[in-house]
N, C-alpha and C. Protein backbone atom coordinates (compact mmCIF):
# COMPACT_ATOMS: atom_id res chain seq x y z
N MET A 1 2.00 16.91 -8.60
CA MET A 1 1.44 15.64 -7.92
C MET A 1 -0.05 15.82 -7.95
N LYS A 2 -0.80 14.85 -8.34
CA LYS A 2 -2.21 14.76 -8.30
C LYS A 2 -2.57 14.19 -7.00
N ILE A 3 -3.37 14.94 -6.12
CA ILE A 3 -3.77 14.31 -4.74
C ILE A 3 -5.25 14.23 -4.76
N THR A 4 -5.74 13.05 -4.27
CA THR A 4 -7.15 12.92 -4.09
C THR A 4 -7.32 12.54 -2.65
N ILE A 5 -8.15 13.42 -1.95
CA ILE A 5 -8.51 13.14 -0.44
C ILE A 5 -9.91 12.56 -0.39
N VAL A 6 -9.95 11.51 0.29
CA VAL A 6 -11.33 10.83 0.56
C VAL A 6 -11.58 10.80 2.09
N GLY A 7 -12.64 11.11 2.56
CA GLY A 7 -13.03 11.04 3.98
C GLY A 7 -14.16 9.99 4.08
N ARG A 8 -13.92 8.93 4.98
CA ARG A 8 -14.81 8.02 5.39
C ARG A 8 -15.34 8.36 6.75
N LYS A 9 -16.67 8.58 6.81
CA LYS A 9 -17.28 8.91 8.10
C LYS A 9 -16.75 10.26 8.67
N CYS A 10 -16.24 11.08 7.68
CA CYS A 10 -15.89 12.42 8.07
C CYS A 10 -15.73 13.31 6.70
N THR A 11 -15.48 14.52 7.11
CA THR A 11 -15.17 15.48 5.83
C THR A 11 -13.83 16.14 6.26
N PRO A 12 -12.83 15.99 5.63
CA PRO A 12 -11.46 16.54 6.05
C PRO A 12 -11.62 18.02 5.81
N ARG A 13 -11.00 18.86 6.81
CA ARG A 13 -11.01 20.24 6.72
C ARG A 13 -9.90 20.72 5.82
N ASP A 14 -10.09 22.01 5.52
CA ASP A 14 -9.02 22.56 4.40
C ASP A 14 -7.73 22.62 5.13
N SER A 15 -7.59 22.81 6.43
CA SER A 15 -6.23 22.89 7.09
C SER A 15 -5.72 21.50 6.99
N PHE A 16 -6.39 20.47 7.03
CA PHE A 16 -5.91 19.03 6.84
C PHE A 16 -5.41 18.94 5.37
N LYS A 17 -6.14 19.35 4.47
CA LYS A 17 -5.84 19.23 3.07
C LYS A 17 -4.62 19.96 2.78
N GLU A 18 -4.33 21.11 3.34
CA GLU A 18 -3.12 21.85 3.23
C GLU A 18 -1.96 21.11 3.76
N HIS A 19 -2.23 20.45 5.00
CA HIS A 19 -1.13 19.65 5.65
C HIS A 19 -0.78 18.50 4.77
N VAL A 20 -1.70 17.87 4.09
CA VAL A 20 -1.44 16.79 3.24
C VAL A 20 -0.49 17.24 2.08
N GLU A 21 -0.92 18.31 1.35
CA GLU A 21 -0.16 18.72 0.22
C GLU A 21 1.30 19.01 0.86
N LYS A 22 1.51 19.74 1.85
CA LYS A 22 2.82 19.98 2.31
C LYS A 22 3.54 18.79 2.68
N LYS A 23 3.13 17.70 3.23
CA LYS A 23 3.69 16.54 3.60
C LYS A 23 4.01 15.76 2.34
N LEU A 24 3.05 15.58 1.42
CA LEU A 24 3.30 14.82 0.17
C LEU A 24 4.35 15.50 -0.77
N ALA A 25 4.70 16.77 -0.53
CA ALA A 25 5.78 17.39 -1.19
C ALA A 25 6.99 16.66 -1.11
N LYS A 26 7.25 15.95 0.00
CA LYS A 26 8.28 15.14 0.35
C LYS A 26 8.44 14.06 -0.56
N ILE A 27 7.18 13.37 -0.72
CA ILE A 27 7.13 12.23 -1.70
C ILE A 27 7.32 12.66 -3.21
N GLU A 28 6.73 13.82 -3.41
CA GLU A 28 6.88 14.20 -4.87
C GLU A 28 8.36 14.35 -5.31
N LYS A 29 9.18 14.90 -4.35
CA LYS A 29 10.63 15.12 -4.85
C LYS A 29 11.27 13.86 -5.34
N PHE A 30 10.74 12.77 -4.96
CA PHE A 30 11.46 11.51 -5.35
C PHE A 30 10.94 11.13 -6.82
N PHE A 31 9.71 11.47 -7.11
CA PHE A 31 9.12 10.95 -8.41
C PHE A 31 8.87 12.02 -9.50
N GLY A 32 8.76 13.27 -8.95
CA GLY A 32 8.37 14.32 -9.93
C GLY A 32 6.95 14.66 -9.99
N ASP A 33 6.52 15.41 -10.91
CA ASP A 33 4.99 15.98 -10.91
C ASP A 33 4.05 14.92 -11.37
N ASP A 34 4.51 13.88 -11.98
CA ASP A 34 3.56 13.00 -12.73
C ASP A 34 2.99 11.83 -11.68
N VAL A 35 3.19 12.03 -10.57
CA VAL A 35 2.85 11.01 -9.51
C VAL A 35 1.38 11.25 -8.96
N GLU A 36 0.73 10.29 -8.68
CA GLU A 36 -0.65 10.38 -8.14
C GLU A 36 -0.69 9.78 -6.77
N ALA A 37 -1.36 10.37 -5.91
CA ALA A 37 -1.57 10.10 -4.46
C ALA A 37 -3.06 10.14 -4.18
N LYS A 38 -3.46 9.02 -3.47
CA LYS A 38 -4.77 8.97 -2.86
C LYS A 38 -4.74 8.84 -1.32
N VAL A 39 -5.32 9.77 -0.71
CA VAL A 39 -5.19 9.73 0.80
C VAL A 39 -6.72 9.51 1.29
N THR A 40 -6.80 8.41 2.16
CA THR A 40 -8.10 8.09 2.58
C THR A 40 -8.08 8.29 4.13
N VAL A 41 -9.02 9.06 4.67
CA VAL A 41 -9.07 9.25 6.12
C VAL A 41 -10.29 8.67 6.63
N THR A 42 -10.14 7.91 7.66
CA THR A 42 -11.28 7.09 8.38
C THR A 42 -11.40 7.63 9.83
N VAL A 43 -12.46 8.02 10.22
CA VAL A 43 -12.69 8.30 11.68
C VAL A 43 -13.37 7.05 12.29
N GLU A 44 -12.72 6.56 13.44
CA GLU A 44 -13.37 5.48 14.05
C GLU A 44 -13.61 5.91 15.57
N LYS A 45 -14.11 5.11 16.49
CA LYS A 45 -14.36 5.49 17.86
C LYS A 45 -13.16 6.00 18.58
N SER A 46 -12.29 5.22 18.52
CA SER A 46 -11.10 5.60 19.54
C SER A 46 -9.99 6.10 18.72
N SER A 47 -9.95 6.06 17.43
CA SER A 47 -8.67 6.54 16.65
C SER A 47 -9.09 7.09 15.30
N GLN A 48 -8.12 7.63 14.53
CA GLN A 48 -8.34 8.07 13.18
C GLN A 48 -7.33 7.38 12.42
N ALA A 49 -7.64 6.94 11.17
CA ALA A 49 -6.74 6.22 10.35
C ALA A 49 -6.46 7.17 9.10
N VAL A 50 -5.25 7.07 8.63
CA VAL A 50 -4.93 7.59 7.27
C VAL A 50 -4.19 6.63 6.46
N GLU A 51 -4.71 6.46 5.28
CA GLU A 51 -4.03 5.41 4.26
C GLU A 51 -3.74 6.24 3.12
N ILE A 52 -2.41 6.13 2.59
CA ILE A 52 -1.87 6.81 1.47
C ILE A 52 -1.43 5.78 0.50
N THR A 53 -1.92 5.89 -0.74
CA THR A 53 -1.46 5.08 -1.84
C THR A 53 -0.83 5.98 -2.88
N VAL A 54 0.41 5.72 -3.23
CA VAL A 54 1.14 6.53 -4.23
C VAL A 54 1.35 5.66 -5.40
N ASN A 55 0.94 6.22 -6.64
CA ASN A 55 1.08 5.41 -7.78
C ASN A 55 1.92 6.25 -8.73
N ASN A 56 3.09 5.72 -9.22
CA ASN A 56 3.85 6.36 -10.27
C ASN A 56 4.13 5.32 -11.31
N ASN A 57 3.57 5.52 -12.51
CA ASN A 57 3.72 4.56 -13.66
C ASN A 57 3.63 3.14 -13.23
N GLY A 58 2.76 2.73 -12.53
CA GLY A 58 2.52 1.32 -12.15
C GLY A 58 3.28 0.89 -10.98
N ILE A 59 4.14 1.63 -10.42
CA ILE A 59 4.86 1.44 -9.12
C ILE A 59 3.91 1.97 -8.05
N ILE A 60 3.57 1.12 -7.09
CA ILE A 60 2.59 1.47 -5.97
C ILE A 60 3.32 1.31 -4.72
N PHE A 61 3.20 2.36 -3.90
CA PHE A 61 3.53 2.44 -2.54
C PHE A 61 2.36 2.59 -1.70
N ARG A 62 2.13 1.92 -0.53
CA ARG A 62 0.92 2.13 0.34
C ARG A 62 1.43 2.02 1.79
N ALA A 63 0.74 2.96 2.46
CA ALA A 63 1.02 2.84 3.94
C ALA A 63 -0.28 3.29 4.67
N GLN A 64 -0.46 2.66 5.76
CA GLN A 64 -1.69 3.00 6.59
C GLN A 64 -1.34 3.00 8.03
N GLU A 65 -1.70 4.18 8.78
CA GLU A 65 -1.30 4.40 10.19
C GLU A 65 -2.58 4.89 10.86
N ARG A 66 -2.57 4.67 12.28
CA ARG A 66 -3.62 4.94 13.07
C ARG A 66 -2.93 5.98 14.24
N ALA A 67 -3.73 7.00 14.58
CA ALA A 67 -3.36 7.86 15.64
C ALA A 67 -4.68 8.41 16.28
N GLU A 68 -4.43 9.33 17.31
CA GLU A 68 -5.49 9.96 18.03
C GLU A 68 -6.09 11.06 17.16
N ASN A 69 -5.24 11.67 16.22
CA ASN A 69 -5.74 12.65 15.24
C ASN A 69 -5.27 12.43 13.93
N MET A 70 -5.88 13.01 12.93
CA MET A 70 -5.53 12.89 11.61
C MET A 70 -4.10 13.25 11.18
N ASN A 71 -3.63 14.37 11.75
CA ASN A 71 -2.50 14.79 11.45
C ASN A 71 -1.28 13.99 11.91
N GLU A 72 -1.43 13.41 13.06
CA GLU A 72 -0.42 12.48 13.56
C GLU A 72 -0.38 11.35 12.71
N ALA A 73 -1.48 10.78 12.39
CA ALA A 73 -1.55 9.54 11.45
C ALA A 73 -1.00 9.81 10.02
N LEU A 74 -1.29 11.11 9.53
CA LEU A 74 -0.65 11.42 8.40
C LEU A 74 0.83 11.49 8.39
N ASP A 75 1.38 12.09 9.38
CA ASP A 75 2.91 12.30 9.56
C ASP A 75 3.44 10.84 9.60
N LYS A 76 2.80 9.85 10.50
CA LYS A 76 3.42 8.46 10.45
C LYS A 76 3.34 7.87 9.07
N CYS A 77 2.36 8.05 8.41
CA CYS A 77 2.09 7.52 7.07
C CYS A 77 3.16 7.90 6.08
N VAL A 78 3.46 9.19 5.97
CA VAL A 78 4.39 9.80 5.08
C VAL A 78 5.80 9.22 5.55
N ASP A 79 6.08 9.27 6.86
CA ASP A 79 7.43 8.66 7.26
C ASP A 79 7.54 7.26 6.72
N THR A 80 6.37 6.26 6.91
CA THR A 80 6.51 4.98 6.40
C THR A 80 6.76 4.87 5.00
N LEU A 81 6.07 5.73 4.18
CA LEU A 81 6.25 5.78 2.70
C LEU A 81 7.68 6.03 2.41
N ILE A 82 8.27 7.03 2.98
CA ILE A 82 9.64 7.55 2.68
C ILE A 82 10.52 6.40 3.08
N ARG A 83 10.33 5.62 4.17
CA ARG A 83 11.29 4.52 4.52
C ARG A 83 11.00 3.46 3.44
N GLN A 84 9.88 3.25 2.85
CA GLN A 84 9.61 2.15 1.92
C GLN A 84 10.43 2.47 0.66
N ILE A 85 10.36 3.71 0.30
CA ILE A 85 11.08 4.15 -0.92
C ILE A 85 12.49 4.13 -0.79
N ARG A 86 12.99 4.55 0.35
CA ARG A 86 14.53 4.48 0.60
C ARG A 86 14.95 3.05 0.59
N LYS A 87 14.23 2.17 1.16
CA LYS A 87 14.62 0.70 1.31
C LYS A 87 14.65 0.05 -0.13
N ASN A 88 13.85 0.36 -0.97
CA ASN A 88 13.71 -0.19 -2.26
C ASN A 88 14.24 0.58 -3.25
N LYS A 89 15.09 1.67 -2.91
CA LYS A 89 15.65 2.83 -3.85
C LYS A 89 16.16 2.23 -5.10
N THR A 90 16.93 1.20 -5.11
CA THR A 90 17.73 0.73 -6.30
C THR A 90 16.73 0.05 -7.28
N ARG A 91 15.80 -0.73 -6.69
CA ARG A 91 14.84 -1.34 -7.66
C ARG A 91 13.95 -0.32 -8.24
N VAL A 92 13.52 0.58 -7.54
CA VAL A 92 12.50 1.66 -8.07
C VAL A 92 13.24 2.45 -9.04
N GLU A 93 14.52 2.80 -8.74
CA GLU A 93 15.33 3.64 -9.82
C GLU A 93 15.40 2.95 -11.14
N LYS A 94 15.57 1.63 -11.14
CA LYS A 94 15.54 0.91 -12.41
C LYS A 94 14.28 1.03 -13.05
N LYS A 95 13.18 0.99 -12.29
CA LYS A 95 11.89 1.11 -12.97
C LYS A 95 11.56 2.44 -13.65
N ILE A 96 12.12 3.42 -12.84
CA ILE A 96 11.83 4.82 -13.25
C ILE A 96 13.00 5.48 -13.94
N LYS A 97 12.90 5.64 -15.13
CA LYS A 97 14.09 6.02 -16.07
C LYS A 97 14.55 7.52 -15.60
N ASN A 98 13.51 8.35 -15.55
CA ASN A 98 13.70 9.84 -15.28
C ASN A 98 13.33 10.02 -13.80
N SER A 99 14.41 9.55 -13.07
CA SER A 99 14.20 9.57 -11.59
C SER A 99 14.76 10.79 -10.80
N LYS A 100 14.17 10.91 -9.61
CA LYS A 100 14.67 12.13 -8.72
C LYS A 100 15.24 11.52 -7.54
N PHE A 101 15.98 10.39 -7.47
CA PHE A 101 16.44 9.78 -6.34
C PHE A 101 17.75 10.40 -5.84
N GLU A 102 18.39 11.18 -6.54
CA GLU A 102 19.51 11.89 -6.04
C GLU A 102 19.23 12.58 -4.66
N ALA A 103 18.01 12.92 -4.47
CA ALA A 103 17.68 13.56 -3.09
C ALA A 103 17.75 12.52 -1.99
N ILE A 104 17.58 11.29 -2.25
CA ILE A 104 17.64 10.24 -1.20
C ILE A 104 19.10 10.10 -0.63
N GLU A 105 20.12 10.39 -1.41
CA GLU A 105 21.43 10.29 -1.08
C GLU A 105 21.75 11.30 0.16
N THR A 106 21.20 12.43 0.14
CA THR A 106 21.58 13.51 1.16
C THR A 106 20.76 13.20 2.52
N GLU A 107 19.58 12.38 2.40
CA GLU A 107 18.89 12.11 3.58
C GLU A 107 19.63 11.08 4.43
N GLU A 108 19.01 10.79 5.63
CA GLU A 108 19.71 9.75 6.47
C GLU A 108 19.76 8.37 5.73
N ALA A 109 20.65 7.65 6.23
CA ALA A 109 20.91 6.44 5.53
C ALA A 109 19.87 5.36 6.24
N VAL A 110 19.49 4.50 5.31
CA VAL A 110 18.63 3.45 5.77
C VAL A 110 19.17 2.23 4.96
N LYS A 111 19.23 0.92 5.65
CA LYS A 111 19.68 -0.23 5.16
C LYS A 111 18.85 -0.51 3.76
N GLU A 112 19.59 -0.54 2.62
CA GLU A 112 18.87 -0.92 1.48
C GLU A 112 18.85 -2.45 1.23
N GLU A 113 17.75 -2.98 0.89
CA GLU A 113 17.69 -4.33 0.40
C GLU A 113 18.22 -4.33 -1.01
N THR A 114 19.39 -5.20 -1.18
CA THR A 114 19.90 -5.36 -2.55
C THR A 114 19.46 -6.65 -3.08
N GLU A 115 19.09 -7.66 -2.36
CA GLU A 115 18.68 -8.85 -2.86
C GLU A 115 17.60 -9.55 -1.89
N TYR A 116 16.50 -10.16 -2.44
CA TYR A 116 15.58 -10.74 -1.85
C TYR A 116 16.07 -12.24 -1.57
N GLU A 117 15.78 -12.81 -0.40
CA GLU A 117 16.13 -14.21 -0.13
C GLU A 117 14.94 -15.00 -0.04
N VAL A 118 14.56 -16.00 -0.84
CA VAL A 118 13.49 -16.84 -0.76
C VAL A 118 14.06 -17.96 0.14
N VAL A 119 13.43 -18.05 1.34
CA VAL A 119 13.64 -19.07 2.37
C VAL A 119 12.90 -20.32 2.27
N ARG A 120 11.73 -20.38 1.40
CA ARG A 120 10.95 -21.50 1.41
C ARG A 120 10.23 -21.42 -0.02
N GLU A 121 10.04 -22.48 -0.73
CA GLU A 121 9.23 -22.72 -1.91
C GLU A 121 8.18 -23.63 -1.64
N LYS A 122 6.94 -23.38 -2.01
CA LYS A 122 5.74 -24.34 -1.90
C LYS A 122 5.09 -24.59 -3.13
N THR A 123 4.69 -25.76 -3.46
CA THR A 123 3.90 -26.08 -4.58
C THR A 123 2.38 -26.59 -4.09
N ILE A 124 1.46 -25.82 -4.65
CA ILE A 124 0.06 -26.16 -4.26
C ILE A 124 -0.81 -26.63 -5.51
N LEU A 125 -1.65 -27.49 -5.17
CA LEU A 125 -2.63 -27.95 -6.12
C LEU A 125 -3.88 -27.16 -6.22
N LEU A 126 -4.03 -26.45 -7.35
CA LEU A 126 -5.22 -25.62 -7.46
C LEU A 126 -6.38 -26.37 -7.96
N LYS A 127 -7.34 -26.26 -7.14
CA LYS A 127 -8.78 -26.96 -7.58
C LYS A 127 -9.68 -25.86 -7.68
N PRO A 128 -10.75 -25.83 -8.49
CA PRO A 128 -11.84 -24.79 -8.56
C PRO A 128 -12.56 -24.90 -7.21
N GLN A 129 -12.60 -23.70 -6.62
CA GLN A 129 -13.39 -23.36 -5.43
C GLN A 129 -14.18 -22.09 -5.42
N SER A 130 -15.18 -22.01 -4.62
CA SER A 130 -15.94 -20.56 -4.55
C SER A 130 -14.98 -19.82 -3.47
N VAL A 131 -15.37 -18.52 -3.47
CA VAL A 131 -14.67 -17.60 -2.55
C VAL A 131 -14.86 -18.07 -1.11
N GLU A 132 -16.13 -18.42 -0.75
CA GLU A 132 -16.42 -18.95 0.52
C GLU A 132 -15.65 -20.05 1.03
N GLU A 133 -15.57 -21.10 0.07
CA GLU A 133 -14.67 -22.24 0.33
C GLU A 133 -13.17 -21.85 0.60
N ALA A 134 -12.74 -20.91 -0.28
CA ALA A 134 -11.36 -20.49 -0.03
C ALA A 134 -11.06 -19.78 1.23
N ILE A 135 -12.03 -19.01 1.71
CA ILE A 135 -11.93 -18.34 2.92
C ILE A 135 -11.95 -19.40 4.10
N LEU A 136 -12.82 -20.33 4.01
CA LEU A 136 -12.85 -21.37 5.00
C LEU A 136 -11.50 -22.08 5.02
N GLN A 137 -11.08 -22.39 3.85
CA GLN A 137 -9.83 -23.20 3.80
C GLN A 137 -8.62 -22.34 4.47
N MET A 138 -8.61 -21.02 4.18
CA MET A 138 -7.59 -20.14 4.61
C MET A 138 -7.68 -20.15 6.24
N ASN A 139 -8.77 -20.12 6.71
CA ASN A 139 -9.09 -20.04 8.19
C ASN A 139 -8.55 -21.39 8.88
N LEU A 140 -8.88 -22.52 8.15
CA LEU A 140 -8.58 -23.81 8.64
C LEU A 140 -7.04 -23.93 8.67
N VAL A 141 -6.35 -23.41 7.73
CA VAL A 141 -4.84 -23.43 7.76
C VAL A 141 -4.17 -22.40 8.49
N GLY A 142 -4.95 -21.44 9.00
CA GLY A 142 -4.46 -20.35 9.95
C GLY A 142 -3.55 -19.45 9.16
N HIS A 143 -3.74 -19.24 7.82
CA HIS A 143 -2.95 -18.31 6.97
C HIS A 143 -3.68 -16.83 6.99
N GLN A 144 -2.86 -15.80 6.56
CA GLN A 144 -3.43 -14.56 6.43
C GLN A 144 -3.91 -14.36 4.87
N PHE A 145 -3.54 -15.26 3.97
CA PHE A 145 -3.98 -15.17 2.59
C PHE A 145 -4.13 -16.62 2.15
N TYR A 146 -4.75 -16.85 1.06
CA TYR A 146 -4.94 -18.12 0.38
C TYR A 146 -5.20 -18.00 -1.17
N LEU A 147 -4.36 -18.78 -1.91
CA LEU A 147 -4.43 -18.72 -3.38
C LEU A 147 -5.31 -19.84 -3.77
N PHE A 148 -6.21 -19.60 -4.84
CA PHE A 148 -7.16 -20.57 -5.28
C PHE A 148 -7.63 -20.40 -6.64
N LEU A 149 -8.11 -21.41 -7.21
CA LEU A 149 -8.65 -21.25 -8.61
C LEU A 149 -10.24 -20.92 -8.44
N ASN A 150 -10.63 -19.71 -8.83
CA ASN A 150 -12.06 -19.34 -8.62
C ASN A 150 -12.96 -20.08 -9.65
N GLU A 151 -13.96 -20.82 -9.13
CA GLU A 151 -14.84 -21.62 -10.03
C GLU A 151 -15.73 -20.71 -10.89
N LYS A 152 -15.94 -19.43 -10.54
CA LYS A 152 -16.69 -18.60 -11.26
C LYS A 152 -16.15 -18.04 -12.53
N ASN A 153 -14.83 -17.59 -12.43
CA ASN A 153 -14.11 -17.04 -13.58
C ASN A 153 -12.99 -17.89 -14.02
N ASN A 154 -12.74 -18.85 -13.43
CA ASN A 154 -11.67 -19.84 -13.72
C ASN A 154 -10.32 -19.33 -13.69
N GLY A 155 -10.08 -18.14 -12.96
CA GLY A 155 -8.91 -17.43 -12.85
C GLY A 155 -8.32 -17.71 -11.49
N VAL A 156 -7.03 -17.46 -11.24
CA VAL A 156 -6.25 -17.68 -10.04
C VAL A 156 -6.48 -16.35 -9.29
N ASN A 157 -7.06 -16.51 -8.10
CA ASN A 157 -7.32 -15.43 -7.15
C ASN A 157 -6.72 -15.69 -5.74
N VAL A 158 -6.71 -14.53 -5.06
CA VAL A 158 -6.23 -14.67 -3.65
C VAL A 158 -7.27 -14.03 -2.72
N VAL A 159 -7.65 -14.85 -1.62
CA VAL A 159 -8.43 -14.14 -0.50
C VAL A 159 -7.54 -13.79 0.55
N TYR A 160 -7.73 -12.82 1.40
CA TYR A 160 -6.84 -12.42 2.45
C TYR A 160 -7.60 -11.82 3.60
N ARG A 161 -7.13 -11.94 4.79
CA ARG A 161 -7.66 -11.27 5.96
C ARG A 161 -7.21 -9.85 6.14
N ARG A 162 -8.05 -8.99 6.11
CA ARG A 162 -7.83 -7.54 6.35
C ARG A 162 -7.61 -7.22 7.82
N SER A 163 -6.85 -6.16 7.95
CA SER A 163 -6.59 -5.67 9.39
C SER A 163 -7.86 -5.25 10.10
N ASP A 164 -8.83 -4.87 9.41
CA ASP A 164 -10.05 -4.47 10.01
C ASP A 164 -11.12 -5.51 10.34
N GLY A 165 -10.63 -6.81 10.08
CA GLY A 165 -11.39 -8.02 10.50
C GLY A 165 -12.03 -8.55 9.39
N GLY A 166 -12.34 -7.84 8.32
CA GLY A 166 -13.01 -8.48 7.09
C GLY A 166 -12.06 -9.28 6.12
N TYR A 167 -12.66 -9.50 4.96
CA TYR A 167 -11.70 -10.22 4.01
C TYR A 167 -11.81 -9.49 2.60
N GLY A 168 -10.58 -9.85 1.91
CA GLY A 168 -10.55 -9.23 0.65
C GLY A 168 -10.30 -10.27 -0.42
N LEU A 169 -10.54 -9.84 -1.61
CA LEU A 169 -10.34 -10.81 -2.75
C LEU A 169 -9.64 -9.98 -3.83
N ILE A 170 -8.46 -10.70 -4.20
CA ILE A 170 -7.62 -10.10 -5.29
C ILE A 170 -7.93 -10.93 -6.56
N THR A 171 -8.30 -10.23 -7.72
CA THR A 171 -8.42 -10.80 -8.99
C THR A 171 -7.51 -10.16 -9.95
N PRO A 172 -6.51 -10.83 -10.57
CA PRO A 172 -5.57 -10.30 -11.44
C PRO A 172 -6.18 -9.81 -12.74
N GLU A 173 -5.69 -8.72 -13.27
CA GLU A 173 -6.13 -8.11 -14.38
C GLU A 173 -4.87 -7.88 -15.28
N VAL A 174 -4.86 -8.20 -16.51
CA VAL A 174 -3.81 -8.20 -17.39
C VAL A 174 -3.92 -6.89 -18.37
N GLU A 175 -2.69 -6.14 -18.33
CA GLU A 175 -2.83 -4.91 -19.12
C GLU A 175 -2.69 -5.14 -20.64
């Protein structure tokens, strides 16, 4: 497993890096050696946040947790990732031909989602807008995200409200 550790407003110690490697070994057993993980640690005034993004051949799992110290946040993050993997085990197995998912069978049982139920469908009219207009529209309708046609690149984009209070912009890229 290739692990990248990034510190924001801090420099993670070697003991934390060893703890990361030990904890991510639990994730590695599901995917094998060719998985990549990026761990981002952020120190804030009252808490510390750890974000882990695991990428295996285009399948991405992501978790972010906050706690009083880095190790607690890391432990929570890894537990969240393992729950995500178990919950979506069947779908992920289909994507990964050479899987290591037999290890999941011996672990505790988690209710697996076998089908997704779409409870509502909505059709929207896409008109060219700036990012600022899209954010304003999103706030006016009170949603967490907003799909729009970006007037700069004439592509379909999504703006969203981040948990840190800022905004994000998603621009699709085709492989």
